[in-house]
Amino acid sequence: MSRERARRRAEREAEAARLAEERRVRAERESRRRERWRRICGRLPRTAPGGAARGRRRRASAVAVLFLAVQGAAWLLGLASMARFGLLVVSLLVFPIGAFLAFDRR
């Protein structure tokens, strides 16, 4: 009976050691991943917090989506290459002005 308990205890301890080793390996991997992410993100500019910055990002996103929609529509309509290029040039000139006129609060 005592040998059976000792064998079961040894099995439990071996299983616990194996699980502890897996946790340690997983924690090391997570630590390396977080360190790598911190190094990468440390070089990127931080986004400004607050409602004004959120609105500015929303407006910029809206302009970008609209620009891409216009370019996608030109591509889907099957316009000639020069017409698509002309639309791209006109869009690059008009969209900043249109965004300024649409979103300016003065």
N, C-alpha and C. Protein backbone atom coordinates (compact mmCIF):
# COMPACT_ATOMS: atom_id res chain seq x y z
N MET A 1 0.82 -1.19 0.00
CA MET A 1 0.00 0.00 0.00
C MET A 1 0.86 1.25 0.00
N SER A 2 1.91 1.22 0.81
CA SER A 2 2.76 2.41 0.90
C SER A 2 3.53 2.63 -0.40
N ARG A 3 3.89 1.54 -1.10
CA ARG A 3 4.57 1.71 -2.39
C ARG A 3 3.63 2.32 -3.42
N GLU A 4 2.39 1.90 -3.38
CA GLU A 4 1.39 2.45 -4.30
C GLU A 4 1.21 3.94 -4.06
N ARG A 5 1.11 4.37 -2.81
CA ARG A 5 0.99 5.80 -2.51
C ARG A 5 2.24 6.55 -2.96
N ALA A 6 3.38 5.98 -2.72
CA ALA A 6 4.64 6.63 -3.13
C ALA A 6 4.69 6.77 -4.65
N ARG A 7 4.24 5.75 -5.36
CA ARG A 7 4.25 5.80 -6.82
C ARG A 7 3.29 6.89 -7.32
N ARG A 8 2.07 6.94 -6.71
CA ARG A 8 1.10 7.96 -7.11
C ARG A 8 1.63 9.36 -6.78
N ARG A 9 2.26 9.51 -5.61
CA ARG A 9 2.83 10.81 -5.23
C ARG A 9 3.92 11.20 -6.22
N ALA A 10 4.75 10.25 -6.60
CA ALA A 10 5.82 10.54 -7.57
C ALA A 10 5.21 10.96 -8.91
N GLU A 11 4.12 10.29 -9.31
CA GLU A 11 3.46 10.67 -10.56
C GLU A 11 2.89 12.08 -10.46
N ARG A 12 2.24 12.38 -9.32
CA ARG A 12 1.70 13.73 -9.13
C ARG A 12 2.80 14.77 -9.15
N GLU A 13 3.89 14.48 -8.48
CA GLU A 13 5.01 15.44 -8.45
C GLU A 13 5.63 15.61 -9.84
N ALA A 14 5.73 14.52 -10.59
CA ALA A 14 6.27 14.62 -11.95
C ALA A 14 5.34 15.45 -12.82
N GLU A 15 4.02 15.21 -12.69
CA GLU A 15 3.05 15.99 -13.45
C GLU A 15 3.11 17.46 -13.06
N ALA A 16 3.22 17.75 -11.75
CA ALA A 16 3.31 19.13 -11.28
C ALA A 16 4.58 19.79 -11.82
N ALA A 17 5.68 19.05 -11.83
CA ALA A 17 6.93 19.61 -12.36
C ALA A 17 6.81 19.89 -13.84
N ARG A 18 6.16 18.98 -14.58
CA ARG A 18 5.97 19.19 -16.01
C ARG A 18 5.10 20.42 -16.27
N LEU A 19 4.01 20.57 -15.50
CA LEU A 19 3.15 21.73 -15.65
C LEU A 19 3.87 23.02 -15.27
N ALA A 20 4.69 22.96 -14.22
CA ALA A 20 5.45 24.15 -13.82
C ALA A 20 6.43 24.55 -14.92
N GLU A 21 7.05 23.56 -15.54
CA GLU A 21 7.99 23.84 -16.63
C GLU A 21 7.25 24.46 -17.82
N GLU A 22 6.06 23.94 -18.14
CA GLU A 22 5.28 24.52 -19.22
C GLU A 22 4.90 25.96 -18.91
N ARG A 23 4.48 26.22 -17.67
CA ARG A 23 4.13 27.59 -17.28
C ARG A 23 5.34 28.51 -17.38
N ARG A 24 6.51 28.01 -16.96
CA ARG A 24 7.71 28.82 -17.02
C ARG A 24 8.07 29.15 -18.48
N VAL A 25 8.00 28.15 -19.35
CA VAL A 25 8.30 28.37 -20.77
C VAL A 25 7.30 29.35 -21.37
N ARG A 26 6.02 29.19 -21.03
CA ARG A 26 4.99 30.09 -21.56
C ARG A 26 5.21 31.51 -21.05
N ALA A 27 5.58 31.64 -19.77
CA ALA A 27 5.83 32.97 -19.20
C ALA A 27 7.05 33.62 -19.87
N GLU A 28 8.09 32.84 -20.13
CA GLU A 28 9.27 33.39 -20.82
C GLU A 28 8.90 33.86 -22.23
N ARG A 29 8.12 33.05 -22.93
CA ARG A 29 7.71 33.40 -24.28
C ARG A 29 6.87 34.68 -24.26
N GLU A 30 5.95 34.76 -23.30
CA GLU A 30 5.12 35.96 -23.17
C GLU A 30 5.98 37.18 -22.84
N SER A 31 6.97 36.99 -21.98
CA SER A 31 7.86 38.08 -21.60
C SER A 31 8.65 38.57 -22.82
N ARG A 32 9.17 37.64 -23.60
CA ARG A 32 9.91 38.03 -24.81
C ARG A 32 8.99 38.75 -25.79
N ARG A 33 7.75 38.26 -25.93
CA ARG A 33 6.81 38.90 -26.84
C ARG A 33 6.49 40.32 -26.38
N ARG A 34 6.24 40.48 -25.08
CA ARG A 34 5.97 41.82 -24.57
C ARG A 34 7.16 42.75 -24.73
N GLU A 35 8.37 42.25 -24.51
CA GLU A 35 9.57 43.07 -24.67
C GLU A 35 9.74 43.50 -26.12
N ARG A 36 9.53 42.55 -27.03
CA ARG A 36 9.63 42.87 -28.46
C ARG A 36 8.59 43.91 -28.84
N TRP A 37 7.36 43.76 -28.35
CA TRP A 37 6.29 44.72 -28.63
C TRP A 37 6.64 46.08 -28.04
N ARG A 38 7.19 46.12 -26.83
CA ARG A 38 7.56 47.38 -26.20
C ARG A 38 8.65 48.08 -27.01
N ARG A 39 9.63 47.32 -27.51
CA ARG A 39 10.69 47.92 -28.31
C ARG A 39 10.13 48.49 -29.61
N ILE A 40 9.22 47.78 -30.25
CA ILE A 40 8.64 48.25 -31.50
C ILE A 40 7.76 49.47 -31.25
N CYS A 41 6.88 49.37 -30.27
CA CYS A 41 5.93 50.45 -30.01
C CYS A 41 6.61 51.65 -29.37
N GLY A 42 7.75 51.46 -28.75
CA GLY A 42 8.46 52.58 -28.16
C GLY A 42 8.94 53.56 -29.20
N ARG A 43 9.10 53.10 -30.42
CA ARG A 43 9.56 53.97 -31.50
C ARG A 43 8.42 54.70 -32.19
N LEU A 44 7.19 54.22 -32.01
CA LEU A 44 6.05 54.83 -32.67
C LEU A 44 5.54 56.02 -31.87
N PRO A 45 5.02 57.02 -32.54
CA PRO A 45 4.45 58.14 -31.79
C PRO A 45 3.16 57.71 -31.11
N ARG A 46 2.92 58.24 -29.96
CA ARG A 46 1.71 57.92 -29.21
C ARG A 46 0.55 58.73 -29.79
N THR A 47 -0.63 58.14 -29.81
CA THR A 47 -1.80 58.87 -30.26
C THR A 47 -2.28 59.75 -29.13
N ALA A 48 -2.77 60.90 -29.49
CA ALA A 48 -3.23 61.85 -28.48
C ALA A 48 -4.54 61.37 -27.89
N PRO A 49 -4.68 61.45 -26.57
CA PRO A 49 -5.94 61.05 -25.96
C PRO A 49 -6.94 62.20 -26.02
N GLY A 50 -8.18 61.90 -25.75
CA GLY A 50 -9.18 62.94 -25.61
C GLY A 50 -10.16 62.98 -26.76
N GLY A 51 -11.21 63.75 -26.52
CA GLY A 51 -12.30 63.85 -27.48
C GLY A 51 -11.92 64.56 -28.76
N ALA A 52 -11.09 65.60 -28.65
CA ALA A 52 -10.71 66.35 -29.86
C ALA A 52 -9.88 65.46 -30.79
N ALA A 53 -8.95 64.72 -30.21
CA ALA A 53 -8.12 63.84 -31.03
C ALA A 53 -8.96 62.72 -31.63
N ARG A 54 -9.90 62.21 -30.87
CA ARG A 54 -10.78 61.15 -31.39
C ARG A 54 -11.59 61.67 -32.57
N GLY A 55 -12.11 62.91 -32.46
CA GLY A 55 -12.86 63.50 -33.57
C GLY A 55 -11.98 63.72 -34.78
N ARG A 56 -10.74 64.16 -34.55
CA ARG A 56 -9.82 64.39 -35.66
C ARG A 56 -9.51 63.07 -36.37
N ARG A 57 -9.31 62.00 -35.59
CA ARG A 57 -9.06 60.70 -36.21
C ARG A 57 -10.28 60.22 -36.97
N ARG A 58 -11.47 60.46 -36.43
CA ARG A 58 -12.70 60.04 -37.10
C ARG A 58 -12.87 60.79 -38.41
N ARG A 59 -12.60 62.09 -38.41
CA ARG A 59 -12.72 62.87 -39.64
C ARG A 59 -11.69 62.42 -40.68
N ALA A 60 -10.46 62.19 -40.24
CA ALA A 60 -9.43 61.74 -41.17
C ALA A 60 -9.78 60.37 -41.74
N SER A 61 -10.33 59.50 -40.91
CA SER A 61 -10.75 58.18 -41.39
C SER A 61 -11.88 58.31 -42.40
N ALA A 62 -12.82 59.20 -42.14
CA ALA A 62 -13.93 59.39 -43.07
C ALA A 62 -13.43 59.88 -44.42
N VAL A 63 -12.49 60.82 -44.42
CA VAL A 63 -11.94 61.33 -45.67
C VAL A 63 -11.20 60.21 -46.41
N ALA A 64 -10.42 59.41 -45.68
CA ALA A 64 -9.68 58.32 -46.30
C ALA A 64 -10.62 57.27 -46.89
N VAL A 65 -11.67 56.93 -46.18
CA VAL A 65 -12.64 55.94 -46.69
C VAL A 65 -13.34 56.49 -47.92
N LEU A 66 -13.72 57.73 -47.91
CA LEU A 66 -14.38 58.33 -49.06
C LEU A 66 -13.44 58.37 -50.27
N PHE A 67 -12.18 58.72 -50.04
CA PHE A 67 -11.18 58.74 -51.10
C PHE A 67 -11.04 57.35 -51.71
N LEU A 68 -10.90 56.34 -50.85
CA LEU A 68 -10.75 54.97 -51.35
C LEU A 68 -12.01 54.50 -52.06
N ALA A 69 -13.17 54.92 -51.59
CA ALA A 69 -14.42 54.55 -52.26
C ALA A 69 -14.49 55.13 -53.66
N VAL A 70 -14.07 56.38 -53.81
CA VAL A 70 -14.07 57.01 -55.14
C VAL A 70 -13.10 56.29 -56.07
N GLN A 71 -11.91 55.96 -55.55
CA GLN A 71 -10.93 55.27 -56.38
C GLN A 71 -11.41 53.86 -56.73
N GLY A 72 -12.03 53.19 -55.76
CA GLY A 72 -12.56 51.85 -56.02
C GLY A 72 -13.69 51.87 -57.03
N ALA A 73 -14.55 52.90 -56.94
CA ALA A 73 -15.65 53.01 -57.91
C ALA A 73 -15.10 53.24 -59.31
N ALA A 74 -14.07 54.05 -59.43
CA ALA A 74 -13.47 54.29 -60.75
C ALA A 74 -12.88 53.00 -61.30
N TRP A 75 -12.30 52.20 -60.44
CA TRP A 75 -11.72 50.93 -60.89
C TRP A 75 -12.81 49.95 -61.28
N LEU A 76 -13.88 49.88 -60.46
CA LEU A 76 -14.97 48.95 -60.75
C LEU A 76 -15.76 49.34 -61.99
N LEU A 77 -15.87 50.63 -62.27
CA LEU A 77 -16.58 51.08 -63.46
C LEU A 77 -15.80 50.78 -64.73
N GLY A 78 -14.55 50.42 -64.58
CA GLY A 78 -13.74 50.04 -65.73
C GLY A 78 -13.32 51.22 -66.57
N LEU A 79 -13.06 52.36 -65.93
CA LEU A 79 -12.61 53.53 -66.67
C LEU A 79 -11.23 53.24 -67.26
N ALA A 80 -10.89 53.97 -68.28
CA ALA A 80 -9.58 53.82 -68.91
C ALA A 80 -8.49 54.23 -67.92
N SER A 81 -7.31 53.76 -68.19
CA SER A 81 -6.20 54.01 -67.27
C SER A 81 -5.93 55.49 -67.09
N MET A 82 -5.97 56.23 -68.17
CA MET A 82 -5.72 57.67 -68.07
C MET A 82 -6.84 58.37 -67.30
N ALA A 83 -8.07 57.90 -67.46
CA ALA A 83 -9.19 58.49 -66.72
C ALA A 83 -9.03 58.20 -65.22
N ARG A 84 -8.60 56.98 -64.90
CA ARG A 84 -8.37 56.66 -63.48
C ARG A 84 -7.23 57.49 -62.92
N PHE A 85 -6.18 57.66 -63.71
CA PHE A 85 -5.06 58.48 -63.26
C PHE A 85 -5.50 59.93 -63.07
N GLY A 86 -6.29 60.44 -64.01
CA GLY A 86 -6.80 61.80 -63.89
C GLY A 86 -7.68 61.96 -62.67
N LEU A 87 -8.53 60.97 -62.39
CA LEU A 87 -9.37 61.01 -61.20
C LEU A 87 -8.52 60.97 -59.94
N LEU A 88 -7.45 60.20 -59.97
CA LEU A 88 -6.54 60.16 -58.82
C LEU A 88 -5.92 61.52 -58.56
N VAL A 89 -5.44 62.16 -59.61
CA VAL A 89 -4.81 63.48 -59.46
C VAL A 89 -5.82 64.51 -58.96
N VAL A 90 -6.99 64.51 -59.56
CA VAL A 90 -8.04 65.46 -59.14
C VAL A 90 -8.44 65.17 -57.69
N SER A 91 -8.57 63.90 -57.34
CA SER A 91 -8.94 63.55 -55.97
C SER A 91 -7.88 64.01 -54.98
N LEU A 92 -6.61 63.82 -55.33
CA LEU A 92 -5.54 64.26 -54.44
C LEU A 92 -5.55 65.76 -54.23
N LEU A 93 -6.01 66.49 -55.23
CA LEU A 93 -6.09 67.95 -55.10
C LEU A 93 -7.38 68.39 -54.39
N VAL A 94 -8.48 67.71 -54.65
CA VAL A 94 -9.78 68.16 -54.15
C VAL A 94 -10.08 67.66 -52.73
N PHE A 95 -9.69 66.46 -52.40
CA PHE A 95 -10.07 65.91 -51.10
C PHE A 95 -9.56 66.72 -49.91
N PRO A 96 -8.32 67.19 -49.88
CA PRO A 96 -7.92 68.02 -48.73
C PRO A 96 -8.73 69.31 -48.62
N ILE A 97 -9.02 69.92 -49.76
CA ILE A 97 -9.82 71.15 -49.73
C ILE A 97 -11.24 70.84 -49.29
N GLY A 98 -11.81 69.76 -49.81
CA GLY A 98 -13.15 69.36 -49.41
C GLY A 98 -13.24 69.01 -47.93
N ALA A 99 -12.21 68.36 -47.43
CA ALA A 99 -12.20 68.02 -46.00
C ALA A 99 -12.11 69.29 -45.17
N PHE A 100 -11.30 70.22 -45.60
CA PHE A 100 -11.18 71.48 -44.87
C PHE A 100 -12.51 72.22 -44.85
N LEU A 101 -13.15 72.29 -45.99
CA LEU A 101 -14.43 73.00 -46.06
C LEU A 101 -15.53 72.27 -45.29
N ALA A 102 -15.50 70.96 -45.31
CA ALA A 102 -16.56 70.20 -44.64
C ALA A 102 -16.39 70.18 -43.12
N PHE A 103 -15.15 70.13 -42.64
CA PHE A 103 -14.92 69.92 -41.22
C PHE A 103 -14.41 71.15 -40.48
N ASP A 104 -14.16 72.25 -41.18
CA ASP A 104 -13.67 73.44 -40.50
C ASP A 104 -14.79 74.03 -39.63
N ARG A 105 -14.45 74.39 -38.40
CA ARG A 105 -15.48 74.88 -37.48
C ARG A 105 -15.42 76.39 -37.27
N ARG A 106 -14.69 77.08 -38.09
CA ARG A 106 -14.60 78.53 -37.91
C ARG A 106 -15.77 79.22 -38.52
